[in-house]
Amino acid sequence: MAQTIAQVLTAATDSVTLINAINGGTENVTGLTQAQINEMVQRNVDHLSTILSYDSSMQGVPNIADASDDKSSYTTAITTGTDYIAAN
């Protein structure tokens, strides 16, 4: 059974939460180097970018790119993550 748009976006919220927590200094990253933290943020930025690009030409995924659902928290997290990496 294919996932719905809501299910995919709900799962993607974990990436939003992680990016925002790292940026806000509330994520426990003790023991990680800055390079490792940046890699973690980049993986989550890439994940969100991939999910937001899901469209009708792709098999087995919902058409998120054209969905009218509010995607602002995801696009904001992408910007936040990208900015965080650039600053660190």
C-alpha atoms as a PDB file:
ATOM      1  CA  MET A   1       0.000   0.000   0.000  1.00  0.00           C
ATOM      2  CA  ALA A   2       1.459   3.324  -1.063  1.00  0.00           C
ATOM      3  CA  GLN A   3       1.880   6.077   1.473  1.00  0.00           C
ATOM      4  CA  THR A   4      -0.332   9.132   1.349  1.00  0.00           C
ATOM      5  CA  ILE A   5       0.948  12.695   1.087  1.00  0.00           C
ATOM      6  CA  ALA A   6       0.077  13.243   4.746  1.00  0.00           C
ATOM      7  CA  GLN A   7       2.000  10.138   5.827  1.00  0.00           C
ATOM      8  CA  VAL A   8       5.116  11.123   3.882  1.00  0.00           C
ATOM      9  CA  LEU A   9       5.051  14.697   5.186  1.00  0.00           C
ATOM     10  CA  THR A  10       4.450  13.523   8.748  1.00  0.00           C
ATOM     11  CA  ALA A  11       7.506  11.268   8.511  1.00  0.00           C
ATOM     12  CA  ALA A  12       9.539  14.131   7.028  1.00  0.00           C
ATOM     13  CA  THR A  13       8.760  16.198  10.108  1.00  0.00           C
ATOM     14  CA  ASP A  14      11.496  14.249  11.926  1.00  0.00           C
ATOM     15  CA  SER A  15      14.050  15.898   9.629  1.00  0.00           C
ATOM     16  CA  VAL A  16      12.529  19.319  10.277  1.00  0.00           C
ATOM     17  CA  THR A  17      12.687  18.722  14.026  1.00  0.00           C
ATOM     18  CA  LEU A  18      16.313  17.580  13.903  1.00  0.00           C
ATOM     19  CA  ILE A  19      17.488  20.496  11.753  1.00  0.00           C
ATOM     20  CA  ASN A  20      15.713  23.006  13.990  1.00  0.00           C
ATOM     21  CA  ALA A  21      17.070  21.398  17.168  1.00  0.00           C
ATOM     22  CA  ILE A  22      20.658  21.422  15.906  1.00  0.00           C
ATOM     23  CA  ASN A  23      20.300  25.008  14.732  1.00  0.00           C
ATOM     24  CA  GLY A  24      18.744  26.005  18.046  1.00  0.00           C
ATOM     25  CA  GLY A  25      21.398  24.230  20.103  1.00  0.00           C
ATOM     26  CA  THR A  26      18.937  21.869  21.774  1.00  0.00           C
ATOM     27  CA  GLU A  27      20.017  18.636  20.028  1.00  0.00           C
ATOM     28  CA  ASN A  28      22.597  16.630  21.962  1.00  0.00           C
ATOM     29  CA  VAL A  29      25.526  16.374  19.568  1.00  0.00           C
ATOM     30  CA  THR A  30      28.138  15.700  22.245  1.00  0.00           C
ATOM     31  CA  GLY A  31      30.998  13.662  20.860  1.00  0.00           C
ATOM     32  CA  LEU A  32      30.403  14.684  17.251  1.00  0.00           C
ATOM     33  CA  THR A  33      32.744  16.919  15.319  1.00  0.00           C
ATOM     34  CA  GLN A  34      31.357  19.946  13.525  1.00  0.00           C
ATOM     35  CA  ALA A  35      31.964  18.137  10.238  1.00  0.00           C
ATOM     36  CA  GLN A  36      29.843  15.205  11.454  1.00  0.00           C
ATOM     37  CA  ILE A  37      27.087  17.537  12.596  1.00  0.00           C
ATOM     38  CA  ASN A  38      27.135  19.310   9.234  1.00  0.00           C
ATOM     39  CA  GLU A  39      26.927  15.937   7.463  1.00  0.00           C
ATOM     40  CA  MET A  40      23.894  15.028   9.583  1.00  0.00           C
ATOM     41  CA  VAL A  41      22.205  18.308   8.767  1.00  0.00           C
ATOM     42  CA  GLN A  42      23.026  17.904   5.062  1.00  0.00           C
ATOM     43  CA  ARG A  43      21.527  14.392   4.978  1.00  0.00           C
ATOM     44  CA  ASN A  44      18.302  15.753   6.419  1.00  0.00           C
ATOM     45  CA  VAL A  45      18.271  18.732   4.045  1.00  0.00           C
ATOM     46  CA  ASP A  46      18.764  16.320   1.141  1.00  0.00           C
ATOM     47  CA  HIS A  47      15.996  14.065   2.469  1.00  0.00           C
ATOM     48  CA  LEU A  48      13.534  16.956   2.646  1.00  0.00           C
ATOM     49  CA  SER A  49      14.517  18.209  -0.802  1.00  0.00           C
ATOM     50  CA  THR A  50      13.974  14.738  -2.256  1.00  0.00           C
ATOM     51  CA  ILE A  51      10.571  14.332  -0.640  1.00  0.00           C
ATOM     52  CA  LEU A  52       9.400  17.748  -1.807  1.00  0.00           C
ATOM     53  CA  SER A  53      10.393  16.826  -5.361  1.00  0.00           C
ATOM     54  CA  TYR A  54       8.158  13.735  -5.492  1.00  0.00           C
ATOM     55  CA  ASP A  55       5.844  14.254  -8.462  1.00  0.00           C
ATOM     56  CA  SER A  56       3.415  12.416 -10.711  1.00  0.00           C
ATOM     57  CA  SER A  57       6.186  11.094 -12.947  1.00  0.00           C
ATOM     58  CA  MET A  58       7.542   8.936 -10.123  1.00  0.00           C
ATOM     59  CA  GLN A  59       6.221   5.448  -9.435  1.00  0.00           C
ATOM     60  CA  GLY A  60       5.252   4.434  -5.902  1.00  0.00           C
ATOM     61  CA  VAL A  61       5.343   7.853  -4.248  1.00  0.00           C
ATOM     62  CA  PRO A  62       2.614  10.439  -3.779  1.00  0.00           C
ATOM     63  CA  ASN A  63       2.694  13.656  -5.813  1.00  0.00           C
ATOM     64  CA  ILE A  64       3.978  15.972  -3.118  1.00  0.00           C
ATOM     65  CA  ALA A  65       5.416  18.591  -5.471  1.00  0.00           C
ATOM     66  CA  ASP A  66       1.962  19.502  -6.773  1.00  0.00           C
ATOM     67  CA  ALA A  67       0.028  18.936  -3.542  1.00  0.00           C
ATOM     68  CA  SER A  68      -1.691  21.912  -1.982  1.00  0.00           C
ATOM     69  CA  ASP A  69      -0.593  20.878   1.521  1.00  0.00           C
ATOM     70  CA  ASP A  70       1.341  23.473   3.510  1.00  0.00           C
ATOM     71  CA  LYS A  71       5.012  22.655   2.981  1.00  0.00           C
ATOM     72  CA  SER A  72       6.427  25.828   4.513  1.00  0.00           C
ATOM     73  CA  SER A  73       7.936  24.109   7.571  1.00  0.00           C
ATOM     74  CA  TYR A  74       9.870  21.786   5.251  1.00  0.00           C
ATOM     75  CA  THR A  75      11.137  24.533   2.945  1.00  0.00           C
ATOM     76  CA  THR A  76      12.057  26.659   5.962  1.00  0.00           C
ATOM     77  CA  ALA A  77      14.000  23.745   7.476  1.00  0.00           C
ATOM     78  CA  ILE A  78      15.894  23.315   4.205  1.00  0.00           C
ATOM     79  CA  THR A  79      16.903  26.974   4.330  1.00  0.00           C
ATOM     80  CA  THR A  80      17.746  26.761   8.035  1.00  0.00           C
ATOM     81  CA  GLY A  81      19.898  23.677   7.482  1.00  0.00           C
ATOM     82  CA  THR A  82      21.690  25.160   4.496  1.00  0.00           C
ATOM     83  CA  ASP A  83      22.364  28.364   6.420  1.00  0.00           C
ATOM     84  CA  TYR A  84      23.569  26.408   9.442  1.00  0.00           C
ATOM     85  CA  ILE A  85      26.094  24.477   7.348  1.00  0.00           C
ATOM     86  CA  ALA A  86      27.320  27.664   5.677  1.00  0.00           C
ATOM     87  CA  ALA A  87      27.856  29.285   9.088  1.00  0.00           C
ATOM     88  CA  ASN A  88      29.588  26.275  10.611  1.00  0.00           C
END
